[in-house]
Amino acid sequence: MTLVSPGRPGTAWTPLTGPAHDIALEVLLDGPLPRSELARRLDLSAGSLTRLSRPLLDSGLLVETTGAYDPVSGRPTRPLDVEEGTHCFVGVKLTADTAYAVLTTLRANVLAELETPLPDPSPAGCTAAVGDLVRALTARAGAPVRAVGVGLGGRVSPDGEVLSARYLGWEGVAFGRLLEGELGLPVVVDNDVLSLTRAEQWFGTARRCGHFALLVVGTGVGFGLVVHEQVLDRPDAGVGLLGHFPLDPAGPLCPDGHTGCAEAMLTRGAVEARASAALRRLTGFEEVLDLAAAGEPLARRVVDDSARALGVLVAAIGNLTMPEKVLVSGENARLAEVGAAALQEGVRTHRSPHASELDVDVQHTGFPEWARGAAVTAIRTFVLGHRR
C-alpha cells in the first residue's frame, strides 16, 4: 500500500511506504489519535513514532490538535490528525437516466452535491454530463480535487473499462479513460455496490469490521462481502448473482422466469406490482410501506411477504459467509423496518437455533450516498496507490 505525502507546492506527491504509511492510514481512519495509542497499535517506541511522524507533520499531511489528555499518562497531549479539508474528491453515481455527484473531503464528508439528467446515456453523452458536474463541484471546492470516482451497476475491470452495464446499455466502454481525457484528473470506475461496500468499510457503520456483508435492495439486488478486511472484488461481482437466489417456492416470477427469487420478491418494481394487483390500483413503493405501517391488510401482507423473504436471504448470507454483521442498504431498506417482525421470522426459520444471533444493521441509502461511495473508491485509490 502506498499513501502519498505532499512535497513543496507544485511538486508531485511522493508515495509513503512502511511504518510512515501505517501511521498516516491509522490517523486517517481513526484520528485524532494520541501518540501513545499510535505507538501501541503499530508496536513502535515513542522515539520511533516521533521520528517517523515528523516528515508527515512537516509536509502538512498530518497536524497536531490540542485540548486532549493522554489516556495512559493522563497528561495533556496533542493528538495527530489529518488535515482532511486540504484534499477534495468527487464521487458520481450513474443510473439509467440521472448522474448524481458529491464533493467530499479526504474523510468522505460531503461538502456539496449536484445532479443532472442524462438525456443521452451514450458513453459520449455521459462523459460530457459527468464532466460538467465535476467542473461545477470543483469550482465550489476550497482545495484541489485529487481524483474522481464513478460508480455504476455492472461489471467493471480494474482499469476502468465498463465490461457491461445493463441499465446504460453499455458493453466494453473504456469510460475511465474517456473521463480522464475530459477532466485531466485521475478517474477510477467501480461497480456501485462494491464502492458502497468500500465506503462502509472505511467510513461507515462497518468501519474497522474485518468481516461483514452488505445486502442492497432497490431497483435490483446487490451484494458486497469483506473477508479479512479485504473487499472481495471478483470478475462476477457486477453480475448480480444474488438477484436470482430462491427465497419463496410459491412466490411470483421475475422477468427472467425464476419463481420467488430475490428479484421477484425484493426489488422496488416487484413490490409495487404485487401491491398494485392486490389493491387494484397503481401503488408506489413508499405508499405501500405507509399503508402497511398504518395497518392496511393487503399492503401489510405484501410487505410482510417481501420482508420475510428478505429475512431468508439475510439468513442464507449469514449461514454461507458467517459475517460479524450484515448491512441491509439501498432504496428499499425501509422494507426491513416496516416488516421487521416478518424479517426476523424469516431469519429464525432458516438459521440454526445454536448459531449466534446475526447483527443486522439497516442503512437508508439514497443516491447521494451512492455517489459518496464512488468518492470513497477515489479516496482509497489516492491513499493506497492503486485502482480499487
Protein backbone atom coordinates (compact mmCIF):
# COMPACT_ATOMS: atom_id res chain seq x y z
CA MET A 1 0.00 0.00 0.00
CA THR A 2 1.21 3.50 -0.73
CA LEU A 3 -0.15 6.54 1.00
CA VAL A 4 1.06 9.73 -0.65
CA SER A 5 2.52 12.76 1.03
CA PRO A 6 2.68 16.24 -0.50
CA GLY A 7 6.02 17.83 -1.07
CA ARG A 8 6.50 21.52 -1.71
CA PRO A 9 3.67 23.33 -3.56
CA GLY A 10 3.72 22.44 -7.23
CA THR A 11 5.63 19.18 -6.74
CA ALA A 12 4.32 15.67 -7.27
CA TRP A 13 3.06 13.57 -4.44
CA THR A 14 5.59 11.09 -3.11
CA PRO A 15 4.49 7.56 -2.13
CA LEU A 16 4.90 6.56 1.50
CA THR A 17 5.78 3.02 2.48
CA GLY A 18 6.32 1.00 5.64
CA PRO A 19 5.64 2.42 9.12
CA ALA A 20 5.16 6.00 7.89
CA HIS A 21 2.33 4.83 5.66
CA ASP A 22 0.81 2.82 8.53
CA ILE A 23 0.86 5.88 10.81
CA ALA A 24 -0.89 8.04 8.23
CA LEU A 25 -3.53 5.39 7.47
CA GLU A 26 -4.33 4.81 11.17
CA VAL A 27 -4.76 8.54 11.68
CA LEU A 28 -6.92 8.89 8.55
CA LEU A 29 -9.34 6.19 9.65
CA ASP A 30 -9.42 6.80 13.41
CA GLY A 31 -7.84 10.19 14.14
CA PRO A 32 -7.25 12.25 16.05
CA LEU A 33 -5.06 9.73 17.89
CA PRO A 34 -2.64 10.28 20.80
CA ARG A 35 0.92 9.26 20.07
CA SER A 36 0.78 6.65 22.83
CA GLU A 37 -2.18 4.94 21.12
CA LEU A 38 -0.47 5.06 17.73
CA ALA A 39 2.70 3.57 19.19
CA ARG A 40 0.67 0.78 20.82
CA ARG A 41 -1.24 -0.06 17.64
CA LEU A 42 1.87 -0.14 15.46
CA ASP A 43 4.24 -1.61 18.05
CA LEU A 44 6.60 1.35 17.82
CA SER A 45 8.68 3.01 20.50
CA ALA A 46 7.92 6.64 21.37
CA GLY A 47 11.18 7.70 19.74
CA SER A 48 10.48 5.80 16.53
CA LEU A 49 6.97 7.25 16.31
CA THR A 50 8.31 10.79 16.75
CA ARG A 51 10.97 10.24 14.07
CA LEU A 52 8.54 8.68 11.58
CA SER A 53 5.73 11.19 12.11
CA ARG A 54 7.94 14.29 11.82
CA PRO A 55 8.10 14.26 7.97
CA LEU A 56 4.33 13.78 7.85
CA LEU A 57 3.86 16.84 10.06
CA ASP A 58 6.40 18.88 8.10
CA SER A 59 4.64 18.03 4.81
CA GLY A 60 1.24 19.03 6.15
CA LEU A 61 -0.30 15.58 5.71
CA LEU A 62 -0.69 15.29 9.50
CA VAL A 63 -1.39 18.05 12.01
CA GLU A 64 -1.27 18.28 15.80
CA THR A 65 -4.52 19.03 17.60
CA THR A 66 -4.98 20.47 21.10
CA GLY A 67 -7.19 20.14 24.17
CA ALA A 68 -6.81 16.41 24.80
CA TYR A 69 -5.31 14.21 27.50
CA ASP A 70 -3.29 11.05 27.04
CA PRO A 71 -5.44 8.09 28.22
CA VAL A 72 -2.34 6.30 29.55
CA SER A 73 -0.45 9.04 31.37
CA GLY A 74 -3.32 11.45 31.97
CA ARG A 75 -1.10 14.33 30.87
CA PRO A 76 -2.07 16.94 28.23
CA THR A 77 -1.26 15.75 24.73
CA ARG A 78 -1.51 16.90 21.12
CA PRO A 79 -3.11 14.04 19.13
CA LEU A 80 -2.25 13.59 15.48
CA ASP A 81 -4.91 14.09 12.84
CA VAL A 82 -5.15 14.56 9.07
CA GLU A 83 -5.95 17.92 7.52
CA GLU A 84 -8.92 16.45 5.66
CA GLY A 85 -10.06 19.73 4.11
CA THR A 86 -6.86 20.16 2.11
CA HIS A 87 -7.81 17.37 -0.31
CA CYS A 88 -11.12 17.09 -2.15
CA PHE A 89 -12.68 14.28 -4.17
CA VAL A 90 -15.72 13.92 -6.40
CA GLY A 91 -17.92 10.84 -6.47
CA VAL A 92 -20.50 10.17 -9.20
CA LYS A 93 -23.31 7.62 -9.29
CA LEU A 94 -24.75 6.83 -12.72
CA THR A 95 -28.27 5.47 -13.19
CA ALA A 96 -30.12 4.88 -16.43
CA ASP A 97 -31.34 8.48 -16.58
CA THR A 98 -29.50 10.59 -13.97
CA ALA A 99 -25.99 11.38 -12.75
CA TYR A 100 -25.61 12.21 -9.06
CA ALA A 101 -22.37 13.77 -7.81
CA VAL A 102 -20.89 14.82 -4.46
CA LEU A 103 -17.81 16.77 -3.43
CA THR A 104 -16.10 15.32 -0.35
CA THR A 105 -13.15 15.78 1.96
CA LEU A 106 -10.39 13.23 2.47
CA ARG A 107 -12.63 11.52 5.07
CA ALA A 108 -15.60 11.41 2.69
CA ASN A 109 -17.55 14.13 4.46
CA VAL A 110 -19.88 15.63 1.84
CA LEU A 111 -19.33 19.32 1.10
CA ALA A 112 -21.73 19.75 -1.83
CA GLU A 113 -23.93 17.69 -4.12
CA LEU A 114 -25.41 18.08 -7.58
CA GLU A 115 -27.40 16.01 -10.04
CA THR A 116 -28.22 16.22 -13.72
CA PRO A 117 -30.47 14.24 -16.06
CA LEU A 118 -28.91 12.01 -18.70
CA PRO A 119 -30.98 12.56 -21.84
CA ASP A 120 -28.16 10.89 -23.78
CA PRO A 121 -26.92 7.80 -21.88
CA SER A 122 -24.30 7.01 -24.52
CA PRO A 123 -20.63 6.98 -23.37
CA ALA A 124 -20.08 10.35 -25.08
CA GLY A 125 -23.21 11.83 -23.53
CA CYS A 126 -22.33 10.57 -20.04
CA THR A 127 -18.75 11.79 -20.39
CA ALA A 128 -19.96 15.30 -21.18
CA ALA A 129 -22.60 15.31 -18.42
CA VAL A 130 -20.24 13.96 -15.76
CA GLY A 131 -17.53 16.36 -16.89
CA ASP A 132 -19.90 19.29 -16.35
CA LEU A 133 -20.86 18.02 -12.89
CA VAL A 134 -17.24 17.58 -11.82
CA ARG A 135 -16.25 21.02 -13.08
CA ALA A 136 -19.20 22.61 -11.26
CA LEU A 137 -18.23 20.90 -7.99
CA THR A 138 -14.54 21.70 -8.48
CA ALA A 139 -15.47 25.37 -8.68
CA ARG A 140 -17.02 25.03 -5.21
CA ALA A 141 -14.03 23.25 -3.69
CA GLY A 142 -11.80 25.09 -1.28
CA ALA A 143 -8.91 22.74 -2.03
CA PRO A 144 -7.61 20.80 -5.04
CA VAL A 145 -9.74 17.93 -6.32
CA ARG A 146 -7.35 14.98 -6.32
CA ALA A 147 -9.40 12.25 -8.01
CA VAL A 148 -12.86 11.32 -9.29
CA GLY A 149 -14.73 8.10 -8.60
CA VAL A 150 -17.64 6.78 -10.67
CA GLY A 151 -19.99 4.02 -9.55
CA LEU A 152 -22.48 2.23 -11.80
CA GLY A 153 -24.40 -1.01 -11.92
CA GLY A 154 -22.48 -3.53 -13.97
CA ARG A 155 -19.18 -5.31 -14.47
CA VAL A 156 -16.09 -3.10 -14.40
CA SER A 157 -12.47 -4.13 -15.00
CA PRO A 158 -9.69 -2.88 -12.68
CA ASP A 159 -8.51 -0.41 -15.35
CA GLY A 160 -11.91 1.32 -15.54
CA GLU A 161 -13.41 -0.39 -18.59
CA VAL A 162 -17.14 -0.99 -18.24
CA LEU A 163 -17.45 -4.56 -19.47
CA SER A 164 -21.24 -4.46 -19.29
CA ALA A 165 -23.82 -2.08 -17.78
CA ARG A 166 -27.36 -3.23 -18.41
CA TYR A 167 -29.11 -0.05 -17.26
CA LEU A 168 -26.97 2.12 -19.53
CA GLY A 169 -26.83 -0.34 -22.42
CA TRP A 170 -23.02 -0.35 -22.47
CA GLU A 171 -20.65 -3.12 -23.48
CA GLY A 172 -16.85 -2.73 -23.49
CA VAL A 173 -16.69 1.03 -22.80
CA ALA A 174 -13.35 2.45 -21.57
CA PHE A 175 -15.20 5.05 -19.51
CA GLY A 176 -12.34 5.74 -17.12
CA ARG A 177 -10.04 6.79 -19.97
CA LEU A 178 -12.78 8.84 -21.62
CA LEU A 179 -13.45 10.77 -18.43
CA GLU A 180 -9.76 11.27 -17.66
CA GLY A 181 -9.37 12.79 -21.12
CA GLU A 182 -12.32 15.08 -20.44
CA LEU A 183 -11.18 16.22 -16.99
CA GLY A 184 -7.42 15.85 -16.82
CA LEU A 185 -7.83 14.19 -13.41
CA PRO A 186 -7.31 10.63 -12.17
CA VAL A 187 -10.56 8.67 -12.53
CA VAL A 188 -11.48 5.31 -11.02
CA VAL A 189 -14.63 3.48 -12.18
CA ASP A 190 -16.15 0.80 -9.99
CA ASN A 191 -19.23 -1.34 -9.56
CA ASP A 192 -21.57 0.75 -7.40
CA VAL A 193 -22.23 -1.96 -4.80
CA LEU A 194 -18.52 -2.55 -4.32
CA SER A 195 -17.99 1.19 -3.93
CA LEU A 196 -20.70 1.32 -1.28
CA THR A 197 -19.06 -1.65 0.47
CA ARG A 198 -15.71 0.15 0.48
CA ALA A 199 -17.37 3.26 1.93
CA GLU A 200 -18.96 1.27 4.76
CA GLN A 201 -15.63 -0.40 5.49
CA TRP A 202 -13.60 2.81 5.79
CA PHE A 203 -16.04 5.48 6.93
CA GLY A 204 -19.38 3.79 7.65
CA THR A 205 -21.03 1.62 10.29
CA ALA A 206 -18.75 -1.30 9.42
CA ARG A 207 -15.59 0.72 9.98
CA ARG A 208 -12.84 -1.50 11.38
CA CYS A 209 -15.06 -4.56 10.89
CA GLY A 210 -12.92 -7.19 9.22
CA HIS A 211 -15.73 -9.49 8.07
CA PHE A 212 -19.14 -8.18 7.04
CA ALA A 213 -21.70 -8.45 4.26
CA LEU A 214 -23.63 -5.69 2.51
CA LEU A 215 -27.02 -6.54 1.00
CA VAL A 216 -28.50 -3.85 -1.25
CA VAL A 217 -32.18 -3.88 -2.22
CA GLY A 218 -33.58 -1.33 -4.63
CA THR A 219 -34.10 -1.42 -8.37
CA GLY A 220 -32.06 -4.62 -8.23
CA VAL A 221 -30.39 -6.77 -5.58
CA GLY A 222 -26.67 -6.34 -4.88
CA PHE A 223 -24.16 -8.00 -2.58
CA GLY A 224 -20.77 -6.99 -1.21
CA LEU A 225 -18.55 -9.04 1.08
CA VAL A 226 -15.49 -8.16 3.16
CA VAL A 227 -13.33 -11.00 4.48
CA HIS A 228 -10.10 -10.48 6.44
CA GLU A 229 -10.52 -6.72 5.83
CA GLN A 230 -10.48 -7.22 2.06
CA VAL A 231 -13.39 -6.38 -0.24
CA LEU A 232 -13.98 -9.39 -2.48
CA ASP A 233 -13.70 -7.87 -5.93
CA ARG A 234 -14.13 -10.74 -8.35
CA PRO A 235 -14.95 -10.59 -12.10
CA ASP A 236 -18.53 -11.68 -11.37
CA ALA A 237 -19.11 -9.03 -8.70
CA GLY A 238 -21.20 -6.88 -11.02
CA VAL A 239 -23.33 -9.66 -12.50
CA GLY A 240 -25.96 -9.52 -9.74
CA LEU A 241 -25.76 -13.22 -8.95
CA LEU A 242 -27.68 -12.91 -5.68
CA GLY A 243 -30.67 -11.47 -7.53
CA HIS A 244 -31.86 -14.92 -8.53
CA PHE A 245 -31.30 -16.66 -5.20
CA PRO A 246 -34.54 -18.63 -4.48
CA LEU A 247 -36.50 -17.32 -1.49
CA ASP A 248 -40.14 -18.41 -1.84
CA PRO A 249 -41.15 -21.50 -3.86
CA ALA A 250 -44.70 -20.11 -4.04
CA GLY A 251 -43.61 -16.59 -4.96
CA PRO A 252 -44.13 -14.65 -8.20
CA LEU A 253 -42.00 -14.86 -11.31
CA CYS A 254 -39.13 -12.49 -12.02
CA PRO A 255 -38.62 -11.10 -15.56
CA ASP A 256 -36.21 -13.98 -16.27
CA GLY A 257 -38.80 -16.60 -15.29
CA HIS A 258 -37.46 -17.62 -11.87
CA THR A 259 -40.04 -18.36 -9.19
CA GLY A 260 -39.83 -16.43 -5.92
CA CYS A 261 -36.22 -15.30 -6.33
CA ALA A 262 -34.75 -12.17 -4.76
CA GLU A 263 -35.53 -10.09 -7.86
CA ALA A 264 -39.16 -11.26 -7.75
CA MET A 265 -39.61 -10.60 -4.03
CA LEU A 266 -37.44 -7.65 -3.02
CA THR A 267 -37.00 -5.15 -5.82
CA ARG A 268 -38.97 -1.92 -5.93
CA GLY A 269 -40.78 -2.86 -9.14
CA ALA A 270 -41.73 -6.28 -7.78
CA VAL A 271 -43.20 -4.88 -4.55
CA GLU A 272 -45.11 -2.20 -6.46
CA ALA A 273 -46.51 -4.75 -8.94
CA ARG A 274 -47.77 -7.09 -6.21
CA ALA A 275 -49.26 -4.24 -4.17
CA SER A 276 -50.95 -2.73 -7.24
CA ALA A 277 -52.50 -6.10 -8.08
CA ALA A 278 -53.70 -6.60 -4.51
CA LEU A 279 -55.10 -3.09 -4.11
CA ARG A 280 -56.37 -2.96 -7.72
CA ARG A 281 -54.76 0.40 -8.44
CA LEU A 282 -51.27 1.67 -9.18
CA THR A 283 -49.39 1.93 -5.89
CA GLY A 284 -45.89 3.32 -5.40
CA PHE A 285 -43.31 1.70 -3.14
CA GLU A 286 -43.38 4.30 -0.37
CA GLU A 287 -47.18 4.31 -0.36
CA VAL A 288 -47.18 0.53 0.09
CA LEU A 289 -44.95 0.88 3.14
CA ASP A 290 -47.03 3.74 4.54
CA LEU A 291 -50.25 1.73 4.13
CA ALA A 292 -48.68 -1.33 5.75
CA ALA A 293 -47.41 0.71 8.67
CA ALA A 294 -50.95 2.11 9.10
CA GLY A 295 -52.41 -1.41 9.22
CA GLU A 296 -53.97 -1.74 5.74
CA PRO A 297 -54.26 -5.57 5.49
CA LEU A 298 -53.43 -6.12 1.82
CA ALA A 299 -50.41 -3.80 1.90
CA ARG A 300 -49.37 -5.43 5.17
CA ARG A 301 -49.45 -8.85 3.50
CA VAL A 302 -47.35 -7.67 0.55
CA VAL A 303 -44.76 -6.01 2.82
CA ASP A 304 -44.56 -8.96 5.21
CA ASP A 305 -44.14 -11.46 2.37
CA SER A 306 -41.24 -9.42 0.99
CA ALA A 307 -39.70 -8.76 4.41
CA ARG A 308 -39.91 -12.46 5.30
CA ALA A 309 -38.15 -13.28 2.03
CA LEU A 310 -35.53 -10.67 2.90
CA GLY A 311 -35.02 -12.48 6.21
CA VAL A 312 -34.50 -15.75 4.33
CA LEU A 313 -31.81 -14.05 2.23
CA VAL A 314 -30.14 -12.49 5.28
CA ALA A 315 -30.10 -15.91 6.96
CA ALA A 316 -28.55 -17.51 3.86
CA ILE A 317 -25.83 -14.86 3.79
CA GLY A 318 -25.17 -15.46 7.48
CA ASN A 319 -25.10 -19.23 7.03
CA LEU A 320 -22.83 -19.20 3.99
CA THR A 321 -20.37 -16.41 4.86
CA MET A 322 -20.55 -16.25 8.72
CA PRO A 323 -20.03 -12.46 8.89
CA GLU A 324 -19.74 -10.35 12.01
CA LYS A 325 -22.63 -8.25 10.73
CA VAL A 326 -24.98 -7.90 7.77
CA LEU A 327 -25.80 -4.42 6.49
CA VAL A 328 -29.14 -4.04 4.68
CA SER A 329 -28.96 -0.99 2.46
CA GLY A 330 -30.37 0.58 -0.68
CA GLU A 331 -33.50 2.50 -1.63
CA ASN A 332 -35.72 -0.35 -0.32
CA ALA A 333 -34.05 -0.59 3.09
CA ARG A 334 -37.18 0.78 4.80
CA LEU A 335 -38.81 -2.54 3.94
CA ALA A 336 -36.66 -4.10 6.67
CA GLU A 337 -38.05 -1.64 9.22
CA VAL A 338 -41.75 -1.71 8.35
CA GLY A 339 -41.57 -5.50 8.01
CA ALA A 340 -39.16 -6.02 10.94
CA ALA A 341 -41.17 -8.80 12.61
CA ALA A 342 -41.55 -10.76 9.36
CA LEU A 343 -37.87 -10.28 8.57
CA GLN A 344 -36.86 -11.72 11.94
CA GLU A 345 -39.24 -14.64 11.36
CA GLY A 346 -37.53 -15.35 8.05
CA VAL A 347 -34.10 -15.26 9.70
CA ARG A 348 -35.12 -17.54 12.59
CA THR A 349 -36.81 -20.08 10.34
CA HIS A 350 -33.71 -20.51 8.17
CA ARG A 351 -30.99 -20.35 10.80
CA SER A 352 -29.89 -22.91 13.36
CA PRO A 353 -31.04 -22.16 16.93
CA HIS A 354 -27.48 -22.93 18.00
CA ALA A 355 -26.00 -20.24 15.73
CA SER A 356 -25.03 -16.85 17.13
CA GLU A 357 -27.54 -14.06 16.65
CA LEU A 358 -27.00 -12.16 13.42
CA ASP A 359 -26.14 -8.49 13.80
CA VAL A 360 -28.39 -6.88 11.14
CA ASP A 361 -27.90 -3.16 10.59
CA VAL A 362 -30.37 -1.30 8.35
CA GLN A 363 -28.93 1.67 6.44
CA HIS A 364 -31.10 4.08 4.44
CA THR A 365 -29.22 4.80 1.22
CA GLY A 366 -30.19 7.43 -1.31
CA PHE A 367 -28.36 8.41 -4.46
CA PRO A 368 -26.08 10.94 -2.68
CA GLU A 369 -24.83 8.05 -0.50
CA TRP A 370 -24.16 6.00 -3.64
CA ALA A 371 -22.16 8.93 -5.04
CA ARG A 372 -20.27 9.21 -1.74
CA GLY A 373 -19.38 5.53 -2.13
CA ALA A 374 -17.82 6.32 -5.50
CA ALA A 375 -15.85 9.14 -3.87
CA VAL A 376 -14.52 6.67 -1.29
CA THR A 377 -13.25 4.46 -4.11
CA ALA A 378 -11.35 7.50 -5.40
CA ILE A 379 -10.05 8.26 -1.89
CA ARG A 380 -8.88 4.68 -1.44
CA THR A 381 -7.12 4.81 -4.82
CA PHE A 382 -5.42 8.04 -3.81
CA VAL A 383 -4.42 6.66 -0.40
CA LEU A 384 -3.46 3.08 -1.28
CA GLY A 385 -1.78 3.93 -4.55
CA HIS A 386 -3.70 1.50 -6.75
CA ARG A 387 -7.05 1.46 -8.53
CA ARG A 388 -9.61 -0.33 -6.38
